[in-house]
C-alpha cells in the first residue's frame, strides 16, 4: 500500500503540501512512522486512523510521544496535532492552506478551526486534480 498510497496522495494534493505536512506532524508528535506501532497493536498501526480515533474519544494526549518527557508542552503538542488533523480534511470542508498552517504554528494564540467530532467518512470524495469521484483510495474519472 505504501507506494500506491503515496501516488494517490500526490494526485489528490497536486500542488499542495498540506496533506503531506500532516504526515510529518503526526510522526513528530507520536514519535513513530505512520504505519507502525510501538506495541504492535493493530488499532494503532495506521497513525492517521489512530489519531482520529483518539480525537473522537477526546484522548489525543495518548498519541504524544512520552520519550520527550518534560521537554514537551502537552497543550502545544495537542494544538499541533489538531492542526495536522485539519490538514487531512477535504479542501472544501476546512483543510487549511499552508499559509494558514504557518500562521497557526507561528501564533499559538491564534484560534484554529474546530475539528469535526468524528473523522469524515471519505477524506477525499473528489480528486482535486481532475474532479473525478474518489472512494477510499481509488478514483473513477
C-alpha atoms as a PDB file:
ATOM      1  CA  UNK A   1       0.000   0.000   0.000  1.00  0.00           C
ATOM      2  CA  UNK A   2       2.933   2.362   0.617  1.00  0.00           C
ATOM      3  CA  UNK A   3       3.842   3.388  -2.943  1.00  0.00           C
ATOM      4  CA  UNK A   4       0.246   3.214  -4.149  1.00  0.00           C
ATOM      5  CA  UNK A   5      -0.903   5.358  -1.211  1.00  0.00           C
ATOM      6  CA  UNK A   6       1.826   7.919  -1.846  1.00  0.00           C
ATOM      7  CA  UNK A   7       0.891   8.071  -5.545  1.00  0.00           C
ATOM      8  CA  UNK A   8      -2.783   8.635  -4.658  1.00  0.00           C
ATOM      9  CA  UNK A   9      -1.940  11.312  -2.098  1.00  0.00           C
ATOM     10  CA  UNK A  10       0.263  13.098  -4.628  1.00  0.00           C
ATOM     11  CA  UNK A  11      -2.523  13.013  -7.217  1.00  0.00           C
ATOM     12  CA  UNK A  12      -5.187  14.240  -4.813  1.00  0.00           C
ATOM     13  CA  UNK A  13      -2.972  17.006  -3.494  1.00  0.00           C
ATOM     14  CA  UNK A  14      -1.418  18.098  -6.751  1.00  0.00           C
ATOM     15  CA  UNK A  15       0.400  21.336  -5.977  1.00  0.00           C
ATOM     16  CA  UNK A  16      -0.444  21.086  -2.269  1.00  0.00           C
ATOM     17  CA  UNK A  17       1.944  20.412   0.597  1.00  0.00           C
ATOM     18  CA  UNK A  18      -0.768  20.435   3.246  1.00  0.00           C
ATOM     19  CA  UNK A  19      -1.670  16.743   3.198  1.00  0.00           C
ATOM     20  CA  UNK A  20       1.933  15.554   3.409  1.00  0.00           C
ATOM     21  CA  UNK A  21       2.538  18.112   6.145  1.00  0.00           C
ATOM     22  CA  UNK A  22       0.016  16.241   8.302  1.00  0.00           C
ATOM     23  CA  UNK A  23       2.177  13.109   7.930  1.00  0.00           C
ATOM     24  CA  UNK A  24       5.167  14.993   9.274  1.00  0.00           C
ATOM     25  CA  UNK A  25       3.140  16.468  12.145  1.00  0.00           C
ATOM     26  CA  UNK A  26       1.674  13.126  13.202  1.00  0.00           C
ATOM     27  CA  UNK A  27       5.036  11.357  13.017  1.00  0.00           C
ATOM     28  CA  UNK A  28       6.813  14.041  15.067  1.00  0.00           C
ATOM     29  CA  UNK A  29       4.115  14.244  17.750  1.00  0.00           C
ATOM     30  CA  UNK A  30       3.756  10.441  18.010  1.00  0.00           C
ATOM     31  CA  UNK A  31       7.470   9.722  17.694  1.00  0.00           C
ATOM     32  CA  UNK A  32       6.932   6.993  15.112  1.00  0.00           C
ATOM     33  CA  UNK A  33       6.275   6.380  11.439  1.00  0.00           C
ATOM     34  CA  UNK A  34       2.753   6.417  10.049  1.00  0.00           C
ATOM     35  CA  UNK A  35       2.404   2.654   9.593  1.00  0.00           C
ATOM     36  CA  UNK A  36       3.951   1.187  12.720  1.00  0.00           C
ATOM     37  CA  UNK A  37       3.039   0.691  16.353  1.00  0.00           C
ATOM     38  CA  UNK A  38       5.271   0.648  19.407  1.00  0.00           C
ATOM     39  CA  UNK A  39       3.364  -2.232  20.947  1.00  0.00           C
ATOM     40  CA  UNK A  40       2.206  -3.953  17.745  1.00  0.00           C
ATOM     41  CA  UNK A  41      -1.480  -3.228  18.334  1.00  0.00           C
ATOM     42  CA  UNK A  42      -3.446  -3.357  15.068  1.00  0.00           C
ATOM     43  CA  UNK A  43      -5.678  -0.416  16.043  1.00  0.00           C
ATOM     44  CA  UNK A  44      -2.566   1.738  16.466  1.00  0.00           C
ATOM     45  CA  UNK A  45      -0.726   0.648  13.314  1.00  0.00           C
ATOM     46  CA  UNK A  46      -2.156   3.319  10.989  1.00  0.00           C
ATOM     47  CA  UNK A  47      -1.178   6.584  12.645  1.00  0.00           C
ATOM     48  CA  UNK A  48      -3.857   8.689  10.942  1.00  0.00           C
ATOM     49  CA  UNK A  49      -6.636   6.281  11.954  1.00  0.00           C
ATOM     50  CA  UNK A  50      -5.237   6.092  15.477  1.00  0.00           C
ATOM     51  CA  UNK A  51      -5.067   9.907  15.780  1.00  0.00           C
ATOM     52  CA  UNK A  52      -8.669  10.327  14.597  1.00  0.00           C
ATOM     53  CA  UNK A  53      -9.855   7.552  16.950  1.00  0.00           C
ATOM     54  CA  UNK A  54      -8.200   9.278  19.904  1.00  0.00           C
ATOM     55  CA  UNK A  55      -9.679  12.613  18.831  1.00  0.00           C
ATOM     56  CA  UNK A  56     -13.170  11.078  18.743  1.00  0.00           C
ATOM     57  CA  UNK A  57     -12.867   9.962  22.373  1.00  0.00           C
ATOM     58  CA  UNK A  58     -11.033  13.141  23.441  1.00  0.00           C
ATOM     59  CA  UNK A  59      -7.829  11.300  24.352  1.00  0.00           C
ATOM     60  CA  UNK A  60      -5.390  12.922  21.917  1.00  0.00           C
ATOM     61  CA  UNK A  61      -2.820  13.177  24.698  1.00  0.00           C
ATOM     62  CA  UNK A  62      -2.280   9.398  24.353  1.00  0.00           C
ATOM     63  CA  UNK A  63      -0.642   9.840  20.947  1.00  0.00           C
ATOM     64  CA  UNK A  64       2.061  12.206  22.209  1.00  0.00           C
ATOM     65  CA  UNK A  65       5.488  10.556  22.329  1.00  0.00           C
ATOM     66  CA  UNK A  66       6.282  10.097  26.031  1.00  0.00           C
ATOM     67  CA  UNK A  67      10.016   9.826  25.255  1.00  0.00           C
ATOM     68  CA  UNK A  68      10.033  13.624  25.001  1.00  0.00           C
ATOM     69  CA  UNK A  69       9.380  13.742  28.742  1.00  0.00           C
ATOM     70  CA  UNK A  70       9.233  17.207  30.259  1.00  0.00           C
ATOM     71  CA  UNK A  71      10.646  18.806  27.098  1.00  0.00           C
ATOM     72  CA  UNK A  72       7.201  18.873  25.530  1.00  0.00           C
ATOM     73  CA  UNK A  73       4.347  21.237  26.294  1.00  0.00           C
ATOM     74  CA  UNK A  74       1.295  18.955  26.027  1.00  0.00           C
ATOM     75  CA  UNK A  75      -1.075  21.824  25.248  1.00  0.00           C
ATOM     76  CA  UNK A  76       1.092  22.912  22.320  1.00  0.00           C
ATOM     77  CA  UNK A  77       1.577  19.305  21.155  1.00  0.00           C
ATOM     78  CA  UNK A  78      -2.196  18.758  21.083  1.00  0.00           C
ATOM     79  CA  UNK A  79      -2.663  22.030  19.175  1.00  0.00           C
ATOM     80  CA  UNK A  80      -0.083  20.947  16.573  1.00  0.00           C
ATOM     81  CA  UNK A  81      -1.758  17.526  16.348  1.00  0.00           C
ATOM     82  CA  UNK A  82      -5.123  19.215  15.750  1.00  0.00           C
ATOM     83  CA  UNK A  83      -3.562  21.354  13.013  1.00  0.00           C
ATOM     84  CA  UNK A  84      -2.241  18.132  11.480  1.00  0.00           C
ATOM     85  CA  UNK A  85      -5.712  16.572  11.577  1.00  0.00           C
ATOM     86  CA  UNK A  86      -7.173  19.701   9.968  1.00  0.00           C
ATOM     87  CA  UNK A  87      -4.723  19.114   7.125  1.00  0.00           C
ATOM     88  CA  UNK A  88      -6.439  15.773   6.382  1.00  0.00           C
ATOM     89  CA  UNK A  89      -9.837  17.338   5.687  1.00  0.00           C
ATOM     90  CA  UNK A  90     -11.173  17.963   2.193  1.00  0.00           C
ATOM     91  CA  UNK A  91     -10.246  21.347   0.767  1.00  0.00           C
ATOM     92  CA  UNK A  92     -13.881  22.470   0.812  1.00  0.00           C
ATOM     93  CA  UNK A  93     -14.506  21.032   4.294  1.00  0.00           C
ATOM     94  CA  UNK A  94     -11.965  23.000   6.290  1.00  0.00           C
ATOM     95  CA  UNK A  95      -8.477  21.965   5.196  1.00  0.00           C
ATOM     96  CA  UNK A  96      -6.258  24.999   5.793  1.00  0.00           C
ATOM     97  CA  UNK A  97      -3.815  26.334   3.236  1.00  0.00           C
ATOM     98  CA  UNK A  98      -0.096  26.161   4.021  1.00  0.00           C
ATOM     99  CA  UNK A  99      -0.193  29.895   4.681  1.00  0.00           C
ATOM    100  CA  UNK A 100      -2.862  29.337   7.328  1.00  0.00           C
ATOM    101  CA  UNK A 101      -0.919  26.431   8.820  1.00  0.00           C
ATOM    102  CA  UNK A 102       2.157  28.646   9.159  1.00  0.00           C
ATOM    103  CA  UNK A 103       0.013  31.319  10.837  1.00  0.00           C
ATOM    104  CA  UNK A 104      -1.451  28.777  13.284  1.00  0.00           C
ATOM    105  CA  UNK A 105       2.012  27.487  14.165  1.00  0.00           C
ATOM    106  CA  UNK A 106       3.625  30.931  14.348  1.00  0.00           C
ATOM    107  CA  UNK A 107       0.982  32.408  16.624  1.00  0.00           C
ATOM    108  CA  UNK A 108      -0.111  29.968  19.311  1.00  0.00           C
ATOM    109  CA  UNK A 109      -2.752  32.472  20.434  1.00  0.00           C
ATOM    110  CA  UNK A 110      -4.484  32.421  17.031  1.00  0.00           C
ATOM    111  CA  UNK A 111      -7.581  30.213  17.258  1.00  0.00           C
ATOM    112  CA  UNK A 112      -7.684  27.230  14.940  1.00  0.00           C
ATOM    113  CA  UNK A 113     -10.911  25.971  13.356  1.00  0.00           C
ATOM    114  CA  UNK A 114     -12.748  23.316  15.322  1.00  0.00           C
ATOM    115  CA  UNK A 115     -12.261  19.763  14.110  1.00  0.00           C
ATOM    116  CA  UNK A 116     -15.323  17.672  13.315  1.00  0.00           C
ATOM    117  CA  UNK A 117     -16.215  15.466  16.291  1.00  0.00           C
ATOM    118  CA  UNK A 118     -15.712  12.355  14.160  1.00  0.00           C
ATOM    119  CA  UNK A 119     -13.450  11.530  11.262  1.00  0.00           C
ATOM    120  CA  UNK A 120     -15.026  12.354   7.922  1.00  0.00           C
ATOM    121  CA  UNK A 121     -16.259   9.205   6.175  1.00  0.00           C
ATOM    122  CA  UNK A 122     -14.335   9.939   2.989  1.00  0.00           C
ATOM    123  CA  UNK A 123     -11.354  12.192   3.323  1.00  0.00           C
ATOM    124  CA  UNK A 124     -11.213  12.701  -0.428  1.00  0.00           C
ATOM    125  CA  UNK A 125     -14.571  12.384  -2.171  1.00  0.00           C
ATOM    126  CA  UNK A 126     -13.262  14.257  -5.206  1.00  0.00           C
ATOM    127  CA  UNK A 127      -9.864  14.354  -6.779  1.00  0.00           C
ATOM    128  CA  UNK A 128      -8.669  17.937  -6.910  1.00  0.00           C
ATOM    129  CA  UNK A 129      -6.521  17.031  -9.903  1.00  0.00           C
ATOM    130  CA  UNK A 130      -9.333  16.251 -12.319  1.00  0.00           C
ATOM    131  CA  UNK A 131     -12.697  16.312 -10.498  1.00  0.00           C
ATOM    132  CA  UNK A 132     -13.126  12.522 -10.526  1.00  0.00           C
ATOM    133  CA  UNK A 133     -15.082  10.740  -7.813  1.00  0.00           C
ATOM    134  CA  UNK A 134     -12.858   9.090  -5.209  1.00  0.00           C
ATOM    135  CA  UNK A 135     -13.844   6.260  -2.879  1.00  0.00           C
ATOM    136  CA  UNK A 136     -11.366   5.230  -0.157  1.00  0.00           C
ATOM    137  CA  UNK A 137      -8.060   5.018  -2.052  1.00  0.00           C
ATOM    138  CA  UNK A 138      -9.340   4.653  -5.617  1.00  0.00           C
ATOM    139  CA  UNK A 139     -10.787   7.183  -8.051  1.00  0.00           C
ATOM    140  CA  UNK A 140     -13.058   6.986 -11.066  1.00  0.00           C
ATOM    141  CA  UNK A 141     -12.639   9.584 -13.780  1.00  0.00           C
END
